[in-house]
Protein backbone atom coordinates (compact mmCIF):
# COMPACT_ATOMS: atom_id res chain seq x y z
CA UNK A 1 -34.32 -71.21 103.97
CA UNK A 2 -33.85 -74.94 103.69
CA UNK A 3 -30.58 -76.37 104.97
CA UNK A 4 -29.24 -77.79 101.72
CA UNK A 5 -26.64 -79.92 103.50
CA UNK A 6 -29.23 -81.83 105.47
CA UNK A 7 -30.14 -85.27 104.23
CA UNK A 8 -32.52 -87.86 105.53
CA UNK A 9 -31.09 -90.58 107.75
CA UNK A 10 -30.36 -93.95 106.25
CA UNK A 11 -33.34 -96.31 106.48
CA UNK A 12 -33.30 -98.90 109.20
CA UNK A 13 -32.96 -102.51 108.14
CA UNK A 14 -36.35 -103.94 107.30
CA UNK A 15 -38.08 -100.55 107.21
CA UNK A 16 -38.20 -100.01 103.47
CA UNK A 17 -41.04 -101.15 101.31
CA UNK A 18 -40.19 -103.71 98.67
CA UNK A 19 -40.23 -102.67 95.04
CA UNK A 20 -43.43 -104.64 94.57
CA UNK A 21 -45.09 -102.74 97.43
CA UNK A 22 -43.88 -99.48 95.94
CA UNK A 23 -45.22 -100.41 92.53
CA UNK A 24 -48.58 -101.45 93.95
CA UNK A 25 -48.99 -97.95 95.38
CA UNK A 26 -48.21 -96.40 92.01
CA UNK A 27 -51.43 -97.37 90.28
CA UNK A 28 -51.11 -95.06 87.32
CA UNK A 29 -47.62 -96.26 86.54
CA UNK A 30 -48.46 -99.89 87.19
CA UNK A 31 -51.31 -99.79 84.71
CA UNK A 32 -49.01 -98.87 81.84
CA UNK A 33 -47.17 -101.59 79.93
CA UNK A 34 -43.44 -101.59 80.60
CA UNK A 35 -41.12 -102.55 77.80
CA UNK A 36 -37.45 -101.77 78.02
CA UNK A 37 -37.66 -99.87 74.78
CA UNK A 38 -41.38 -99.22 74.64
CA UNK A 39 -41.52 -96.10 72.47
CA UNK A 40 -44.30 -93.63 73.17
CA UNK A 41 -46.93 -93.10 70.44
CA UNK A 42 -45.92 -90.77 67.67
CA UNK A 43 -42.17 -91.11 68.12
CA UNK A 44 -40.12 -92.65 65.34
CA UNK A 45 -36.47 -93.55 65.58
CA UNK A 46 -34.14 -91.62 63.30
CA UNK A 47 -33.98 -93.36 59.94
CA UNK A 48 -32.52 -96.83 59.93
CA UNK A 49 -34.44 -100.04 60.33
CA UNK A 50 -31.48 -102.26 61.11
CA UNK A 51 -28.82 -102.00 63.76
CA UNK A 52 -25.48 -103.82 63.73
CA UNK A 53 -25.53 -107.54 64.34
CA UNK A 54 -24.39 -108.53 67.82
CA UNK A 55 -22.09 -111.55 68.07
CA UNK A 56 -23.01 -114.24 70.53
CA UNK A 57 -20.90 -113.83 73.67
CA UNK A 58 -18.43 -116.54 74.61
CA UNK A 59 -19.19 -117.28 78.23
CA UNK A 60 -17.37 -119.68 80.45
CA UNK A 61 -19.02 -121.47 83.37
CA UNK A 62 -20.43 -119.43 86.20
CA UNK A 63 -18.41 -119.25 89.41
CA UNK A 64 -21.02 -118.92 92.19
CA UNK A 65 -18.50 -118.74 95.02
CA UNK A 66 -16.62 -115.86 93.41
CA UNK A 67 -19.89 -114.09 92.56
CA UNK A 68 -20.99 -114.42 96.19
CA UNK A 69 -17.66 -112.97 97.37
CA UNK A 70 -18.11 -109.95 95.08
CA UNK A 71 -21.70 -109.47 96.24
CA UNK A 72 -20.54 -109.53 99.86
CA UNK A 73 -17.82 -106.99 99.12
CA UNK A 74 -20.36 -104.69 97.51
CA UNK A 75 -22.62 -105.09 100.54
CA UNK A 76 -19.83 -104.01 102.90
CA UNK A 77 -19.25 -100.82 100.93
CA UNK A 78 -22.96 -100.08 100.67
CA UNK A 79 -23.39 -100.51 104.42
CA UNK A 80 -20.52 -98.10 105.08
CA UNK A 81 -22.10 -95.54 102.77
CA UNK A 82 -25.49 -95.90 104.48
CA UNK A 83 -24.02 -95.48 107.95
CA UNK A 84 -21.62 -92.62 107.19
CA UNK A 85 -22.87 -90.71 104.16
CA UNK A 86 -26.49 -91.58 103.31
CA UNK A 87 -27.91 -89.01 100.89
CA UNK A 88 -24.54 -87.40 100.26
CA UNK A 89 -22.61 -87.89 97.05
CA UNK A 90 -19.72 -90.05 98.21
CA UNK A 91 -18.36 -91.62 101.34
CA UNK A 92 -14.70 -91.26 102.37
CA UNK A 93 -14.23 -94.75 103.83
CA UNK A 94 -10.97 -94.15 105.67
CA UNK A 95 -12.44 -91.20 107.56
CA UNK A 96 -16.05 -92.27 107.83
CA UNK A 97 -16.98 -88.91 106.31
CA UNK A 98 -18.55 -87.76 103.06
CA UNK A 99 -17.97 -85.31 100.25
CA UNK A 100 -20.09 -83.75 97.53
CA UNK A 101 -19.08 -84.05 93.89
CA UNK A 102 -21.18 -81.41 92.14
CA UNK A 103 -21.99 -78.71 94.71
CA UNK A 104 -20.36 -78.39 98.12
CA UNK A 105 -23.58 -77.29 99.83
CA UNK A 106 -26.04 -79.37 97.85
CA UNK A 107 -25.80 -83.18 97.88
CA UNK A 108 -27.65 -85.13 95.19
CA UNK A 109 -27.05 -88.68 96.41
CA UNK A 110 -24.65 -89.57 93.61
CA UNK A 111 -23.79 -92.94 95.13
CA UNK A 112 -27.47 -93.85 95.44
CA UNK A 113 -28.21 -92.91 91.84
CA UNK A 114 -25.13 -94.61 90.41
CA UNK A 115 -25.83 -97.79 92.36
CA UNK A 116 -29.38 -98.40 91.10
CA UNK A 117 -28.57 -100.82 88.28
CA UNK A 118 -25.87 -102.49 90.39
CA UNK A 119 -28.31 -103.12 93.25
CA UNK A 120 -30.74 -104.62 90.75
CA UNK A 121 -28.18 -106.87 89.05
CA UNK A 122 -26.75 -108.08 92.36
CA UNK A 123 -30.33 -108.83 93.49
CA UNK A 124 -30.10 -106.56 96.53
CA UNK A 125 -33.77 -105.74 96.16
CA UNK A 126 -34.44 -104.33 99.62
CA UNK A 127 -31.52 -101.94 99.28
CA UNK A 128 -32.81 -101.00 95.85
CA UNK A 129 -36.24 -100.24 97.32
CA UNK A 130 -34.62 -97.98 99.93
CA UNK A 131 -32.72 -96.16 97.19
CA UNK A 132 -35.90 -95.57 95.18
CA UNK A 133 -37.64 -94.30 98.32
CA UNK A 134 -34.85 -91.75 98.80
CA UNK A 135 -35.09 -90.60 95.18
CA UNK A 136 -38.85 -90.28 95.53
CA UNK A 137 -38.88 -88.27 98.77
CA UNK A 138 -35.46 -86.66 99.30
CA UNK A 139 -33.69 -85.99 96.02
CA UNK A 140 -33.57 -82.20 95.62
CA UNK A 141 -32.50 -81.01 92.17
CA UNK A 142 -33.27 -77.33 92.80
CA UNK A 143 -29.59 -76.55 93.31
CA UNK A 144 -28.40 -72.97 93.09
CA UNK A 145 -25.05 -74.21 91.89
CA UNK A 146 -23.19 -74.85 88.65
CA UNK A 147 -23.12 -78.50 87.57
CA UNK A 148 -20.71 -79.92 85.02
CA UNK A 149 -23.07 -80.87 82.20
CA UNK A 150 -21.22 -83.88 80.77
CA UNK A 151 -20.66 -85.40 84.21
CA UNK A 152 -24.28 -84.83 85.22
CA UNK A 153 -25.53 -86.46 82.02
CA UNK A 154 -23.36 -89.57 82.19
CA UNK A 155 -23.53 -90.13 85.95
CA UNK A 156 -26.87 -88.71 87.11
CA UNK A 157 -29.13 -88.85 84.04
CA UNK A 158 -27.59 -92.18 83.04
CA UNK A 159 -27.93 -93.56 86.57
CA UNK A 160 -31.60 -92.58 86.82
CA UNK A 161 -32.34 -94.03 83.38
CA UNK A 162 -30.75 -97.34 84.34
CA UNK A 163 -32.65 -97.22 87.62
CA UNK A 164 -35.95 -96.76 85.80
CA UNK A 165 -35.17 -99.60 83.38
CA UNK A 166 -34.45 -101.79 86.40
CA UNK A 167 -37.44 -100.86 88.55
CA UNK A 168 -40.07 -99.38 86.19
CA UNK A 169 -40.85 -96.84 88.90
CA UNK A 170 -42.36 -93.78 87.27
CA UNK A 171 -40.94 -91.48 89.94
CA UNK A 172 -37.40 -92.40 88.89
CA UNK A 173 -38.14 -91.46 85.28
CA UNK A 174 -39.84 -88.26 86.42
CA UNK A 175 -36.78 -87.18 88.42
CA UNK A 176 -34.57 -88.08 85.47
CA UNK A 177 -36.64 -85.90 83.19
CA UNK A 178 -36.60 -83.05 85.70
CA UNK A 179 -32.81 -83.19 85.82
CA UNK A 180 -32.51 -83.30 82.03
CA UNK A 181 -34.80 -80.28 81.74
CA UNK A 182 -32.57 -78.38 84.18
CA UNK A 183 -29.53 -79.27 82.06
CA UNK A 184 -31.09 -78.35 78.70
CA UNK A 185 -30.30 -74.59 78.91
CA UNK A 186 -26.66 -75.54 78.37
CA UNK A 187 -27.76 -76.74 74.92
CA UNK A 188 -30.55 -74.32 74.03
CA UNK A 189 -28.65 -71.17 75.04
CA UNK A 190 -25.73 -72.06 72.79
CA UNK A 191 -25.47 -70.18 69.46
CA UNK A 192 -23.88 -73.24 67.84
CA UNK A 193 -25.94 -75.95 69.52
CA UNK A 194 -22.90 -77.47 71.22
CA UNK A 195 -23.47 -77.29 74.98
CA UNK A 196 -21.83 -74.98 77.47
CA UNK A 197 -19.67 -76.80 80.00
CA UNK A 198 -21.65 -75.81 83.10
CA UNK A 199 -25.21 -74.81 84.01
CA UNK A 200 -26.88 -73.62 87.20
CA UNK A 201 -29.65 -76.12 87.92
CA UNK A 202 -31.90 -73.52 89.56
CA UNK A 203 -31.45 -70.46 87.35
CA UNK A 204 -30.43 -72.02 84.05
CA UNK A 205 -27.45 -69.63 83.83
CA UNK A 206 -24.67 -71.12 81.70
CA UNK A 207 -20.89 -70.77 81.79
CA UNK A 208 -17.82 -72.39 80.32
CA UNK A 209 -18.06 -71.65 76.59
CA UNK A 210 -14.90 -73.66 75.84
CA UNK A 211 -15.99 -77.28 76.06
CA UNK A 212 -13.80 -80.35 75.43
CA UNK A 213 -14.80 -82.69 72.62
CA UNK A 214 -15.92 -85.35 75.09
CA UNK A 215 -18.07 -82.80 76.90
CA UNK A 216 -19.78 -81.88 73.65
CA UNK A 217 -20.65 -85.36 72.44
CA UNK A 218 -21.15 -87.62 75.45
CA UNK A 219 -24.90 -87.25 75.82
CA UNK A 220 -26.73 -88.72 72.82
CA UNK A 221 -27.20 -92.17 74.39
CA UNK A 222 -28.72 -90.86 77.61
CA UNK A 223 -30.89 -88.27 75.82
CA UNK A 224 -31.85 -90.83 73.19
CA UNK A 225 -33.10 -93.32 75.75
CA UNK A 226 -34.93 -90.50 77.54
CA UNK A 227 -36.65 -89.59 74.28
CA UNK A 228 -37.64 -93.23 73.78
CA UNK A 229 -39.12 -93.51 77.25
CA UNK A 230 -40.94 -90.17 77.30
CA UNK A 231 -41.81 -89.69 73.63
CA UNK A 232 -40.32 -86.18 73.75
CA UNK A 233 -37.99 -85.74 70.75
CA UNK A 234 -36.44 -82.58 72.21
CA UNK A 235 -33.81 -84.48 74.15
CA UNK A 236 -32.51 -86.45 71.18
CA UNK A 237 -32.65 -83.40 68.93
CA UNK A 238 -30.55 -81.39 71.39
CA UNK A 239 -27.93 -84.12 71.49
CA UNK A 240 -27.96 -84.59 67.72
CA UNK A 241 -27.49 -80.84 67.21
CA UNK A 242 -24.28 -80.96 69.24
CA UNK A 243 -22.83 -83.55 66.89
CA UNK A 244 -23.85 -81.53 63.85
CA UNK A 245 -22.08 -78.51 65.32
CA UNK A 246 -18.86 -80.48 65.79
CA UNK A 247 -19.01 -82.29 62.45
CA UNK A 248 -19.68 -79.07 60.50
CA UNK A 249 -16.46 -77.66 61.96
CA UNK A 250 -14.34 -80.74 61.47
CA UNK A 251 -11.26 -80.22 59.34
CA UNK A 252 -10.99 -82.93 56.64
CA UNK A 253 -7.23 -83.18 57.22
CA UNK A 254 -6.78 -82.41 60.91
CA UNK A 255 -10.09 -83.74 62.25
CA UNK A 256 -11.52 -82.25 65.43
CA UNK A 257 -9.79 -79.95 67.85
CA UNK A 258 -9.45 -80.75 71.54
CA UNK A 259 -12.11 -78.25 72.58
CA UNK A 260 -14.73 -76.03 70.92
CA UNK A 261 -15.78 -72.52 71.80
CA UNK A 262 -19.53 -73.01 71.64
CA UNK A 263 -20.16 -69.28 71.20
CA UNK A 264 -17.77 -68.55 68.32
CA UNK A 265 -17.68 -72.01 66.77
CA UNK A 266 -13.88 -71.95 66.74
CA UNK A 267 -11.66 -74.74 67.97
CA UNK A 268 -9.81 -73.66 71.09
CA UNK A 269 -7.55 -74.72 73.88
CA UNK A 270 -9.01 -74.99 77.36
CA UNK A 271 -7.49 -73.64 80.57
CA UNK A 272 -9.03 -76.64 82.37
CA UNK A 273 -7.75 -80.20 82.00
CA UNK A 274 -9.15 -81.72 78.80
CA UNK A 275 -10.42 -85.30 79.07
CA UNK A 276 -9.81 -87.71 76.17
CA UNK A 277 -12.32 -87.39 73.32
CA UNK A 278 -12.83 -91.13 72.93
CA UNK A 279 -16.40 -91.03 74.21
CA UNK A 280 -17.30 -88.51 71.47
CA UNK A 281 -16.63 -91.22 68.88
CA UNK A 282 -17.93 -94.03 71.06
CA UNK A 283 -21.29 -92.29 71.31
CA UNK A 284 -21.44 -91.79 67.53
CA UNK A 285 -21.28 -95.54 67.17
CA UNK A 286 -23.60 -96.01 70.12
CA UNK A 287 -26.36 -93.92 68.56
CA UNK A 288 -26.23 -96.20 65.54
CA UNK A 289 -26.16 -99.36 67.64
CA UNK A 290 -28.91 -98.20 70.00
CA UNK A 291 -31.20 -96.18 67.76
CA UNK A 292 -30.27 -97.06 64.19
CA UNK A 293 -29.19 -93.50 63.43
CA UNK A 294 -27.50 -93.57 60.03
CA UNK A 295 -26.24 -90.00 60.39
CA UNK A 296 -24.12 -90.88 63.39
CA UNK A 297 -22.88 -94.04 61.64
CA UNK A 298 -21.79 -91.91 58.67
CA UNK A 299 -20.09 -89.39 60.96
CA UNK A 300 -18.38 -92.18 62.87
CA UNK A 301 -16.95 -93.58 59.64
CA UNK A 302 -15.87 -90.11 58.51
CA UNK A 303 -13.91 -89.75 61.74
CA UNK A 304 -12.42 -93.20 62.14
CA UNK A 305 -12.59 -94.90 58.76
CA UNK A 306 -15.18 -96.97 56.94
CA UNK A 307 -14.29 -100.33 58.43
CA UNK A 308 -13.93 -99.31 62.06
CA UNK A 309 -16.43 -100.85 64.44
CA UNK A 310 -16.76 -101.05 68.19
CA UNK A 311 -17.30 -104.22 70.16
CA UNK A 312 -20.07 -103.81 72.72
CA UNK A 313 -19.54 -100.03 72.70
CA UNK A 314 -16.03 -100.25 74.14
CA UNK A 315 -12.58 -99.18 73.02
CA UNK A 316 -11.05 -102.41 74.30
CA UNK A 317 -8.19 -103.89 72.31
CA UNK A 318 -9.34 -107.46 71.89
CA UNK A 319 -6.92 -110.23 72.71
CA UNK A 320 -4.77 -108.94 75.57
CA UNK A 321 -5.71 -109.15 79.26
CA UNK A 322 -7.08 -105.89 80.58
CA UNK A 323 -4.68 -103.70 82.58
CA UNK A 324 -5.24 -103.94 86.32
CA UNK A 325 -8.07 -101.74 87.41
CA UNK A 326 -9.88 -101.59 84.06
CA UNK A 327 -12.54 -104.08 85.04
CA UNK A 328 -15.19 -102.79 82.66
CA UNK A 329 -12.86 -103.36 79.73
CA UNK A 330 -12.07 -106.84 81.04
CA UNK A 331 -15.81 -107.49 81.01
CA UNK A 332 -16.07 -106.33 77.38
CA UNK A 333 -13.08 -108.35 76.24
CA UNK A 334 -14.25 -111.47 78.00
CA UNK A 335 -17.63 -111.37 76.29
CA UNK A 336 -15.93 -110.84 72.95
CA UNK A 337 -13.23 -113.49 73.21
CA UNK A 338 -14.18 -115.85 76.01
CA UNK A 339 -10.59 -115.58 77.23
CA UNK A 340 -10.38 -116.67 80.85
CA UNK A 341 -7.37 -114.39 81.30
CA UNK A 342 -9.69 -111.39 81.20
CA UNK A 343 -11.85 -112.70 84.03
CA UNK A 344 -8.85 -113.58 86.13
CA UNK A 345 -7.16 -110.20 85.54
CA UNK A 346 -10.28 -108.48 86.86
CA UNK A 347 -10.51 -110.80 89.85
CA UNK A 348 -6.82 -110.34 90.64
CA UNK A 349 -7.39 -106.59 90.72
CA UNK A 350 -10.13 -107.08 93.32
CA UNK A 351 -7.81 -109.14 95.50
CA UNK A 352 -5.09 -106.47 95.24
CA UNK A 353 -7.51 -103.80 96.38
CA UNK A 354 -8.72 -105.90 99.30
CA UNK A 355 -5.14 -106.74 100.33
CA UNK A 356 -4.26 -103.05 100.33
CA UNK A 357 -7.02 -102.36 102.83
CA UNK A 358 -9.12 -100.28 100.44
CA UNK A 359 -12.81 -100.37 101.31
CA UNK A 360 -14.76 -100.54 98.07
CA UNK A 361 -17.50 -98.00 98.63
CA UNK A 362 -19.18 -95.29 96.64
CA UNK A 363 -19.88 -94.78 92.93
CA UNK A 364 -16.62 -96.33 91.77
CA UNK A 365 -17.40 -99.62 93.46
CA UNK A 366 -20.98 -99.56 92.20
CA UNK A 367 -19.71 -99.61 88.63
CA UNK A 368 -16.60 -101.73 89.08
CA UNK A 369 -18.10 -104.47 91.23
CA UNK A 370 -21.19 -104.60 89.01
CA UNK A 371 -19.13 -105.67 86.01
CA UNK A 372 -16.95 -107.95 88.09
CA UNK A 373 -20.09 -109.66 89.38
CA UNK A 374 -21.45 -110.10 85.85
CA UNK A 375 -18.19 -111.76 84.83
CA UNK A 376 -18.75 -114.60 87.29
CA UNK A 377 -22.46 -114.76 88.10
CA UNK A 378 -24.28 -115.41 84.80
CA UNK A 379 -26.99 -113.12 86.11
CA UNK A 380 -30.57 -113.90 84.98
CA UNK A 381 -31.26 -110.15 85.09
CA UNK A 382 -28.73 -109.23 82.39
CA UNK A 383 -28.82 -109.88 78.65
CA UNK A 384 -25.25 -110.88 77.90
CA UNK A 385 -25.83 -110.66 74.17
CA UNK A 386 -27.97 -107.54 73.65
CA UNK A 387 -26.86 -104.82 75.97
CA UNK A 388 -25.29 -101.40 75.81
CA UNK A 389 -23.15 -99.74 78.44
CA UNK A 390 -22.74 -95.97 78.58
CA UNK A 391 -19.48 -94.09 79.08
CA UNK A 392 -20.55 -93.71 82.70
CA UNK A 393 -20.86 -97.49 83.09
CA UNK A 394 -24.67 -97.51 83.18
CA UNK A 395 -26.69 -100.33 81.63
CA UNK A 396 -28.90 -98.52 79.12
CA UNK A 397 -29.92 -101.72 77.35
CA UNK A 398 -29.90 -105.28 78.60
CA UNK A 399 -31.68 -105.29 81.98
CA UNK A 400 -34.03 -108.26 82.06
CA UNK A 401 -37.16 -108.61 84.23
CA UNK A 402 -36.61 -110.18 87.63
CA UNK A 403 -37.86 -113.72 87.97
CA UNK A 404 -40.67 -114.16 90.42
């Protein structure tokens, strides 16, 4: 029996192959054209031919010194993770230990997966190559454990998708598809089509029939991009079916309940904490913005009113500086308004964290510092106008090819 807690040691500095060397070894993948949204033959997007117009972002001047400071801070956290928790889900900086997020006895390298697009955007290419090597050789998804479906979709599937869009390494897409296939029983075993809350990745056994609204609907972006990249419509259809299940049961006066029993189709209360349902509506809009799906646009307007629109796929209230700690929203608001107060609120939050002695390491820093860096760097690897960010903070549209 394999020791599921064992992980490979962190790579030594200078030992990893570069992404170019990796790609050169992958002849079959290298021979195929790579387009960020290159749709496989035979696949057609839902129904619309036009997506919403994207306003030109209002960007102030780059601040190279601040961007370099953020990049250095990210590097410190990444080094601590490599030395103390490589291959495990998260590092506990204060203790120099690690913890697993999904299964206590089965690490899946959550920090590695969630850092892929951040490593690419911060141009930490050697670290990115090491991360891809780990995914290729050491990521074990055959876990005899229950995984929370919504969390696995937004953090793991989303992270691998962003990693593939950054690196074009076929192995990353293959592992992403393997994971999605292991999650699909949560959808296909459901009498209503809305997913169960948890699924065993090895056996496909499902549990948790009462699923919060956010757990039901926060998957269509990740599964939609996976359908685009693989040409397999099953992923998008599974996600679309969950929305149909919820919309068919929506009360015209009261709207949606907080949670749905996916077996009976009745709205229910959950014994577990119920997360906000905002991402359910955010992803309705996102499927229209990303894929031109007129059904989800219609459902979005049914839920929130005909004139409601989202800016850059965020629920930010435009005009006021972001609350401390909400750096991703500061990023969204800054692009929308050009208000320098948003950049400075985000930067002030970084200084507060550093002054408190917090070491920014792990998945949280991968997402937070990524957006903070983009606020100040004017990265040539990011499309500031045409991009889409998932609820898990993954760049599912907008990664540009690296300059040679």
